[in-house]
């Protein structure tokens, strides 16, 4: 009987969240009485398919997150490490932390600023990696999206209107067989012209023959980026609790 691959999740919190206008990194802002990052880690802790969790945090706050992890009683978190200056560098640091794992193991990379991810979504990523080398969680685009070019008087003009039915909004986690994402990041980090906003994008650019499968996401899996997003997340949490309570009474 073939042993199943180990699943290692990395919760990425290397950025400071400048758009939040907060003296503290956005991942440490309170949400329903707990720091945002604690909600994100808790989702992976609760997922039975996840074996190990690594947390990447802004270097000046690593100690604080270590205390948080200890106080919350998370048993799957093996390390809290400093992240990089960019998202790509933080992801690469996470992969370096997994250097002892074989290429056949699975890596899940998740933005700590998405605190409402569901364990079921995480499990769906793991299941999809049974056939694919890379997977991304996504939801349909609800608005028309246009491509723009420079327009008159320094403005912009619409150049193209892609079919909305073909567009998706990417979320996290994004999952990979370790051998696939290692090869992609090896090429990416050697490229002086690297520009990337997510990990699936790195695979698409540097391993163009590698299919990236889509796993259906959830509209509640929002990213806390701007002022006001915490209040939206609070509302979504409250609704989720109400639904759970109602289901428990049936």
Foldseek 3Di string as FASTA:
>chain_A
DDDAAAEEEEAEAQDQQVQAVDPGRQQQDDFPRGGLLVLQVVQLLPQPRHQAYEYEHHQVCQVVVVVVCVVVVRDRYDYYHHADPAPLRRVVVVLVVVVVGDLQHKYWYAYSQQSPFHSVLVVLQVVVVVPAFKEWEWAQDPDWDFDWDQDPPRHIDTDGTDDSVPDIDTHDGIMGRSNQLVQLSVVQVVDPPHDDDDSVVSSCVRVVVGDYHYDYGDPLRDGPRHPPVSVVNNVVVVVVVVVVVVVVVD
